[in-house]
Amino acid sequence: MSKAAEDDQHRADPPRSDLFRLLLAGVLVVVVLAATATAATLALTRDGEAGDTQAAREDVMAQTEQFILRSFSYGPDLLADDKTMPDYRTRVTEVITPKFAAEFEQSAGAAEQLVAQAGVERVPDVFATGVSSLDEDSARTLVAGSFTDTYTVKGTSVDQEPSPFRIEVDLVKIDGTWLVDDFNPVTGGDGGDTGESGQPAPTEEGTP
């Protein structure tokens, strides 16, 4: 091959270093695109998990509040002819587990007795609810509030001072629904006491 032909061939073929840079650039582009896609997928996954966790927190707090409002709210208007409160029992058992329902059925009679004999009316007020622990099928919440009792004394309604309470509530998830499985008063401070029935105990002041 002549010298001129060799020079033409060299000019036609790019240097090997240039080819290497082009190949390396192409590989880097692919790597960057793959990394970006992976990061986006991870971000979406984390966002989804965070959204699911927040939704679960809201569910357990809402169910906790429902439990307090249903179980600590009763009065003469709920009494049936047999001096029981069937509607009260029904609305509470809707938000608790079967295991807890067995205990509740035994203790609900205390509230029915108070209403039937002393005309007690109890109204709860929930101040705040928070989640202290949460996993896939169990949760624990804390709820603070107060309840106000009204007694009927010689035909006259007597309002009591609001009694504060702080309660720890355990929930479990059954068939996709959060249900209350147990609760206990948080002792100490100004939290209200609870009776043996599990209901906050009424004060003796104003009882007939």
C-alpha atoms as a PDB file:
ATOM      1  CA  MET A   1       0.000   0.000   0.000  1.00  0.00           C
ATOM      2  CA  SER A   2       1.319   3.451  -0.878  1.00  0.00           C
ATOM      3  CA  LYS A   3       2.079   6.088   1.725  1.00  0.00           C
ATOM      4  CA  ALA A   4      -0.801   8.228   0.481  1.00  0.00           C
ATOM      5  CA  ALA A   5      -3.246   5.321   0.795  1.00  0.00           C
ATOM      6  CA  GLU A   6      -2.108   4.611   4.350  1.00  0.00           C
ATOM      7  CA  ASP A   7      -2.637   8.258   5.304  1.00  0.00           C
ATOM      8  CA  ASP A   8      -6.165   8.161   3.841  1.00  0.00           C
ATOM      9  CA  GLN A   9      -6.970   4.978   5.850  1.00  0.00           C
ATOM     10  CA  HIS A  10      -5.767   6.570   9.107  1.00  0.00           C
ATOM     11  CA  ARG A  11      -7.928   9.617   8.477  1.00  0.00           C
ATOM     12  CA  ALA A  12     -10.984   7.426   7.739  1.00  0.00           C
ATOM     13  CA  ASP A  13     -10.694   5.374  10.972  1.00  0.00           C
ATOM     14  CA  PRO A  14     -11.163   7.278  14.277  1.00  0.00           C
ATOM     15  CA  PRO A  15      -8.491   6.683  16.907  1.00  0.00           C
ATOM     16  CA  ARG A  16      -9.140   3.817  19.311  1.00  0.00           C
ATOM     17  CA  SER A  17      -9.167   6.229  22.253  1.00  0.00           C
ATOM     18  CA  ASP A  18     -12.092   8.120  20.679  1.00  0.00           C
ATOM     19  CA  LEU A  19     -14.026   4.878  20.153  1.00  0.00           C
ATOM     20  CA  PHE A  20     -13.437   3.925  23.794  1.00  0.00           C
ATOM     21  CA  ARG A  21     -14.735   7.288  24.988  1.00  0.00           C
ATOM     22  CA  LEU A  22     -17.867   6.922  22.882  1.00  0.00           C
ATOM     23  CA  LEU A  23     -18.521   3.432  24.204  1.00  0.00           C
ATOM     24  CA  LEU A  24     -17.881   4.540  27.777  1.00  0.00           C
ATOM     25  CA  ALA A  25     -20.230   7.495  27.396  1.00  0.00           C
ATOM     26  CA  GLY A  26     -22.943   5.189  26.105  1.00  0.00           C
ATOM     27  CA  VAL A  27     -22.501   2.814  29.022  1.00  0.00           C
ATOM     28  CA  LEU A  28     -22.624   5.689  31.497  1.00  0.00           C
ATOM     29  CA  VAL A  29     -25.865   6.967  29.978  1.00  0.00           C
ATOM     30  CA  VAL A  30     -27.434   3.530  30.394  1.00  0.00           C
ATOM     31  CA  VAL A  31     -26.222   3.303  33.999  1.00  0.00           C
ATOM     32  CA  VAL A  32     -27.545   6.768  34.838  1.00  0.00           C
ATOM     33  CA  LEU A  33     -30.941   5.997  33.299  1.00  0.00           C
ATOM     34  CA  ALA A  34     -31.144   2.703  35.180  1.00  0.00           C
ATOM     35  CA  ALA A  35     -30.187   4.374  38.463  1.00  0.00           C
ATOM     36  CA  THR A  36     -32.763   7.102  37.916  1.00  0.00           C
ATOM     37  CA  ALA A  37     -35.472   4.535  37.234  1.00  0.00           C
ATOM     38  CA  THR A  38     -34.504   2.571  40.341  1.00  0.00           C
ATOM     39  CA  ALA A  39     -34.521   5.691  42.504  1.00  0.00           C
ATOM     40  CA  ALA A  40     -37.931   6.671  41.166  1.00  0.00           C
ATOM     41  CA  THR A  41     -39.292   3.200  41.891  1.00  0.00           C
ATOM     42  CA  LEU A  42     -37.901   3.266  45.435  1.00  0.00           C
ATOM     43  CA  ALA A  43     -39.359   6.728  46.006  1.00  0.00           C
ATOM     44  CA  LEU A  44     -42.778   5.603  44.831  1.00  0.00           C
ATOM     45  CA  THR A  45     -42.571   2.502  47.009  1.00  0.00           C
ATOM     46  CA  ARG A  46     -41.591   4.516  50.072  1.00  0.00           C
ATOM     47  CA  ASP A  47     -44.308   7.072  49.394  1.00  0.00           C
ATOM     48  CA  GLY A  48     -46.823   4.251  49.079  1.00  0.00           C
ATOM     49  CA  GLU A  49     -45.683   2.637  52.320  1.00  0.00           C
ATOM     50  CA  ALA A  50     -45.762   5.984  54.121  1.00  0.00           C
ATOM     51  CA  GLY A  51     -49.255   6.607  52.786  1.00  0.00           C
ATOM     52  CA  ASP A  52     -50.430   3.180  53.955  1.00  0.00           C
ATOM     53  CA  THR A  53     -48.962   3.762  57.417  1.00  0.00           C
ATOM     54  CA  GLN A  54     -50.609   7.162  57.740  1.00  0.00           C
ATOM     55  CA  ALA A  55     -53.946   5.713  56.635  1.00  0.00           C
ATOM     56  CA  ALA A  56     -53.631   2.957  59.244  1.00  0.00           C
ATOM     57  CA  ARG A  57     -52.817   5.527  61.943  1.00  0.00           C
ATOM     58  CA  GLU A  58     -55.896   7.528  61.034  1.00  0.00           C
ATOM     59  CA  ASP A  59     -58.030   4.372  61.068  1.00  0.00           C
ATOM     60  CA  VAL A  60     -56.926   3.268  64.538  1.00  0.00           C
ATOM     61  CA  MET A  61     -57.341   6.781  65.958  1.00  0.00           C
ATOM     62  CA  ALA A  62     -60.821   7.051  64.471  1.00  0.00           C
ATOM     63  CA  GLN A  63     -61.808   3.664  65.868  1.00  0.00           C
ATOM     64  CA  THR A  64     -60.389   4.583  69.266  1.00  0.00           C
ATOM     65  CA  GLU A  65     -62.500   7.723  69.337  1.00  0.00           C
ATOM     66  CA  GLN A  66     -65.579   5.760  68.300  1.00  0.00           C
ATOM     67  CA  PHE A  67     -64.976   3.305  71.118  1.00  0.00           C
ATOM     68  CA  ILE A  68     -64.764   6.096  73.687  1.00  0.00           C
ATOM     69  CA  LEU A  69     -67.822   7.908  72.369  1.00  0.00           C
ATOM     70  CA  ARG A  70     -69.900   4.740  72.220  1.00  0.00           C
ATOM     71  CA  SER A  71     -68.874   3.081  75.465  1.00  0.00           C
ATOM     72  CA  PHE A  72     -68.792   6.196  77.665  1.00  0.00           C
ATOM     73  CA  SER A  73     -72.050   7.684  76.404  1.00  0.00           C
ATOM     74  CA  TYR A  74     -75.334   6.509  77.894  1.00  0.00           C
ATOM     75  CA  GLY A  75     -78.413   7.725  79.721  1.00  0.00           C
ATOM     76  CA  PRO A  76     -82.097   7.144  80.494  1.00  0.00           C
ATOM     77  CA  ASP A  77     -83.057   7.565  76.839  1.00  0.00           C
ATOM     78  CA  LEU A  78     -81.351   4.221  76.109  1.00  0.00           C
ATOM     79  CA  LEU A  79     -83.270   2.240  78.743  1.00  0.00           C
ATOM     80  CA  ALA A  80     -85.654  -0.434  77.513  1.00  0.00           C
ATOM     81  CA  ASP A  81     -88.702  -1.650  79.434  1.00  0.00           C
ATOM     82  CA  ASP A  82     -86.601  -4.329  81.136  1.00  0.00           C
ATOM     83  CA  LYS A  83     -84.161  -1.670  82.454  1.00  0.00           C
ATOM     84  CA  THR A  84     -81.379  -2.768  80.109  1.00  0.00           C
ATOM     85  CA  MET A  85     -79.738  -0.780  77.290  1.00  0.00           C
ATOM     86  CA  PRO A  86     -79.714  -3.075  74.235  1.00  0.00           C
ATOM     87  CA  ASP A  87     -78.830  -0.286  71.796  1.00  0.00           C
ATOM     88  CA  TYR A  88     -75.892   0.689  73.990  1.00  0.00           C
ATOM     89  CA  ARG A  89     -74.611  -2.883  74.030  1.00  0.00           C
ATOM     90  CA  THR A  90     -74.999  -3.202  70.257  1.00  0.00           C
ATOM     91  CA  ARG A  91     -73.173  -0.018  69.325  1.00  0.00           C
ATOM     92  CA  VAL A  92     -70.236  -0.851  71.598  1.00  0.00           C
ATOM     93  CA  THR A  93     -69.865  -4.447  70.398  1.00  0.00           C
ATOM     94  CA  GLU A  94     -69.673  -3.131  66.816  1.00  0.00           C
ATOM     95  CA  VAL A  95     -66.224  -1.652  67.517  1.00  0.00           C
ATOM     96  CA  ILE A  96     -64.691  -4.304  69.802  1.00  0.00           C
ATOM     97  CA  THR A  97     -63.342  -7.815  69.319  1.00  0.00           C
ATOM     98  CA  PRO A  98     -65.412 -10.910  70.171  1.00  0.00           C
ATOM     99  CA  LYS A  99     -63.020 -11.623  73.052  1.00  0.00           C
ATOM    100  CA  PHE A 100     -63.487  -8.157  74.517  1.00  0.00           C
ATOM    101  CA  ALA A 101     -67.229  -8.328  73.831  1.00  0.00           C
ATOM    102  CA  ALA A 102     -67.529 -11.239  76.260  1.00  0.00           C
ATOM    103  CA  GLU A 103     -66.006  -9.101  79.013  1.00  0.00           C
ATOM    104  CA  PHE A 104     -68.072  -6.073  78.042  1.00  0.00           C
ATOM    105  CA  GLU A 105     -71.357  -7.988  78.199  1.00  0.00           C
ATOM    106  CA  GLN A 106     -70.599  -8.857  81.808  1.00  0.00           C
ATOM    107  CA  SER A 107     -69.692  -5.306  82.794  1.00  0.00           C
ATOM    108  CA  ALA A 108     -72.365  -3.407  80.851  1.00  0.00           C
ATOM    109  CA  GLY A 109     -74.841  -4.237  83.593  1.00  0.00           C
ATOM    110  CA  ALA A 110     -73.078  -1.782  85.908  1.00  0.00           C
ATOM    111  CA  ALA A 111     -73.832   1.104  83.554  1.00  0.00           C
ATOM    112  CA  GLU A 112     -77.416  -0.104  83.117  1.00  0.00           C
ATOM    113  CA  GLN A 113     -77.859  -0.219  86.891  1.00  0.00           C
ATOM    114  CA  LEU A 114     -76.565   3.332  87.303  1.00  0.00           C
ATOM    115  CA  VAL A 115     -78.937   4.592  84.654  1.00  0.00           C
ATOM    116  CA  ALA A 116     -81.948   2.664  85.921  1.00  0.00           C
ATOM    117  CA  GLN A 117     -81.495   3.438  89.614  1.00  0.00           C
ATOM    118  CA  ALA A 118     -79.919   6.890  89.637  1.00  0.00           C
ATOM    119  CA  GLY A 119     -80.952   8.288  86.274  1.00  0.00           C
ATOM    120  CA  VAL A 120     -77.302   8.754  85.347  1.00  0.00           C
ATOM    121  CA  GLU A 121     -76.496  10.329  82.010  1.00  0.00           C
ATOM    122  CA  ARG A 122     -72.874  10.327  80.870  1.00  0.00           C
ATOM    123  CA  VAL A 123     -71.462  12.438  78.038  1.00  0.00           C
ATOM    124  CA  PRO A 124     -67.821  12.022  76.941  1.00  0.00           C
ATOM    125  CA  ASP A 125     -65.592  14.582  75.277  1.00  0.00           C
ATOM    126  CA  VAL A 126     -62.436  13.469  73.447  1.00  0.00           C
ATOM    127  CA  PHE A 127     -59.596  16.000  73.533  1.00  0.00           C
ATOM    128  CA  ALA A 128     -56.838  14.160  71.670  1.00  0.00           C
ATOM    129  CA  THR A 129     -55.911  10.731  70.346  1.00  0.00           C
ATOM    130  CA  GLY A 130     -52.446   9.474  69.411  1.00  0.00           C
ATOM    131  CA  VAL A 131     -50.788   6.255  68.253  1.00  0.00           C
ATOM    132  CA  SER A 132     -48.016   4.860  70.457  1.00  0.00           C
ATOM    133  CA  SER A 133     -47.349   1.676  68.447  1.00  0.00           C
ATOM    134  CA  LEU A 134     -48.531   0.225  65.148  1.00  0.00           C
ATOM    135  CA  ASP A 135     -47.820  -2.810  63.008  1.00  0.00           C
ATOM    136  CA  GLU A 136     -49.749  -4.784  60.394  1.00  0.00           C
ATOM    137  CA  ASP A 137     -52.380  -6.256  62.696  1.00  0.00           C
ATOM    138  CA  SER A 138     -52.067  -4.597  66.106  1.00  0.00           C
ATOM    139  CA  ALA A 139     -51.914  -1.082  67.496  1.00  0.00           C
ATOM    140  CA  ARG A 140     -51.905   0.816  70.752  1.00  0.00           C
ATOM    141  CA  THR A 141     -53.344   4.285  71.145  1.00  0.00           C
ATOM    142  CA  LEU A 142     -53.606   6.881  73.872  1.00  0.00           C
ATOM    143  CA  VAL A 143     -56.709   9.001  74.264  1.00  0.00           C
ATOM    144  CA  ALA A 144     -57.362  11.933  76.565  1.00  0.00           C
ATOM    145  CA  GLY A 145     -60.644  13.572  77.352  1.00  0.00           C
ATOM    146  CA  SER A 146     -63.297  14.009  80.007  1.00  0.00           C
ATOM    147  CA  PHE A 147     -66.778  12.797  80.793  1.00  0.00           C
ATOM    148  CA  THR A 148     -69.596  14.628  82.520  1.00  0.00           C
ATOM    149  CA  ASP A 149     -72.211  12.832  84.599  1.00  0.00           C
ATOM    150  CA  THR A 150     -75.688  14.087  85.359  1.00  0.00           C
ATOM    151  CA  TYR A 151     -77.723  12.505  88.164  1.00  0.00           C
ATOM    152  CA  THR A 152     -81.402  12.739  88.886  1.00  0.00           C
ATOM    153  CA  VAL A 153     -81.915  13.584  92.555  1.00  0.00           C
ATOM    154  CA  LYS A 154     -85.520  13.852  93.755  1.00  0.00           C
ATOM    155  CA  GLY A 155     -86.642  14.649  90.245  1.00  0.00           C
ATOM    156  CA  THR A 156     -83.957  17.272  89.697  1.00  0.00           C
ATOM    157  CA  SER A 157     -80.983  16.862  87.366  1.00  0.00           C
ATOM    158  CA  VAL A 158     -77.653  17.551  89.047  1.00  0.00           C
ATOM    159  CA  ASP A 159     -74.612  18.100  86.836  1.00  0.00           C
ATOM    160  CA  GLN A 160     -71.236  16.920  88.085  1.00  0.00           C
ATOM    161  CA  GLU A 161     -67.904  18.517  87.304  1.00  0.00           C
ATOM    162  CA  PRO A 162     -66.198  17.057  84.203  1.00  0.00           C
ATOM    163  CA  SER A 163     -63.879  14.179  85.130  1.00  0.00           C
ATOM    164  CA  PRO A 164     -60.694  13.959  83.023  1.00  0.00           C
ATOM    165  CA  PHE A 165     -59.395  10.632  81.796  1.00  0.00           C
ATOM    166  CA  ARG A 166     -56.387   9.246  79.972  1.00  0.00           C
ATOM    167  CA  ILE A 167     -56.785   5.767  78.535  1.00  0.00           C
ATOM    168  CA  GLU A 168     -54.513   3.342  76.712  1.00  0.00           C
ATOM    169  CA  VAL A 169     -56.365   1.335  74.071  1.00  0.00           C
ATOM    170  CA  ASP A 170     -55.222  -1.879  72.376  1.00  0.00           C
ATOM    171  CA  LEU A 171     -56.566  -2.678  68.908  1.00  0.00           C
ATOM    172  CA  VAL A 172     -56.219  -5.636  66.570  1.00  0.00           C
ATOM    173  CA  LYS A 173     -57.048  -5.946  62.897  1.00  0.00           C
ATOM    174  CA  ILE A 174     -59.632  -8.630  62.101  1.00  0.00           C
ATOM    175  CA  ASP A 175     -60.731  -9.216  58.496  1.00  0.00           C
ATOM    176  CA  GLY A 176     -59.403  -5.800  57.512  1.00  0.00           C
ATOM    177  CA  THR A 177     -61.157  -3.891  60.311  1.00  0.00           C
ATOM    178  CA  TRP A 178     -59.524  -2.385  63.392  1.00  0.00           C
ATOM    179  CA  LEU A 179     -61.321  -3.403  66.592  1.00  0.00           C
ATOM    180  CA  VAL A 180     -60.666  -2.555  70.224  1.00  0.00           C
ATOM    181  CA  ASP A 181     -59.328  -5.559  72.132  1.00  0.00           C
ATOM    182  CA  ASP A 182     -58.705  -4.007  75.545  1.00  0.00           C
ATOM    183  CA  PHE A 183     -58.212  -0.716  77.345  1.00  0.00           C
ATOM    184  CA  ASN A 184     -56.705   0.493  80.589  1.00  0.00           C
ATOM    185  CA  PRO A 185     -56.591   3.843  82.365  1.00  0.00           C
ATOM    186  CA  VAL A 186     -53.260   5.629  82.433  1.00  0.00           C
ATOM    187  CA  THR A 187     -52.582   6.177  86.116  1.00  0.00           C
ATOM    188  CA  GLY A 188     -51.024   9.243  87.677  1.00  0.00           C
ATOM    189  CA  GLY A 189     -51.674  12.929  87.249  1.00  0.00           C
ATOM    190  CA  ASP A 190     -55.242  14.140  87.019  1.00  0.00           C
ATOM    191  CA  GLY A 191     -56.591  11.199  85.031  1.00  0.00           C
ATOM    192  CA  GLY A 192     -60.001   9.978  86.088  1.00  0.00           C
ATOM    193  CA  ASP A 193     -60.401   6.688  87.910  1.00  0.00           C
ATOM    194  CA  THR A 194     -62.193   3.727  86.387  1.00  0.00           C
ATOM    195  CA  GLY A 195     -64.513   1.305  88.046  1.00  0.00           C
ATOM    196  CA  GLU A 196     -64.317  -2.469  88.063  1.00  0.00           C
ATOM    197  CA  SER A 197     -66.609  -2.590  85.060  1.00  0.00           C
ATOM    198  CA  GLY A 198     -63.984  -0.822  82.982  1.00  0.00           C
ATOM    199  CA  GLN A 199     -66.105   2.322  82.819  1.00  0.00           C
ATOM    200  CA  PRO A 200     -64.834   5.520  84.450  1.00  0.00           C
ATOM    201  CA  ALA A 201     -66.362   5.414  87.911  1.00  0.00           C
ATOM    202  CA  PRO A 202     -68.949   8.092  88.753  1.00  0.00           C
ATOM    203  CA  THR A 203     -68.192  10.321  91.695  1.00  0.00           C
ATOM    204  CA  GLU A 204     -70.148   9.803  94.872  1.00  0.00           C
ATOM    205  CA  GLU A 205     -71.099  13.462  95.046  1.00  0.00           C
ATOM    206  CA  GLY A 206     -74.664  13.982  93.927  1.00  0.00           C
ATOM    207  CA  THR A 207     -75.699  10.329  94.086  1.00  0.00           C
ATOM    208  CA  PRO A 208     -79.044   9.734  95.779  1.00  0.00           C
END
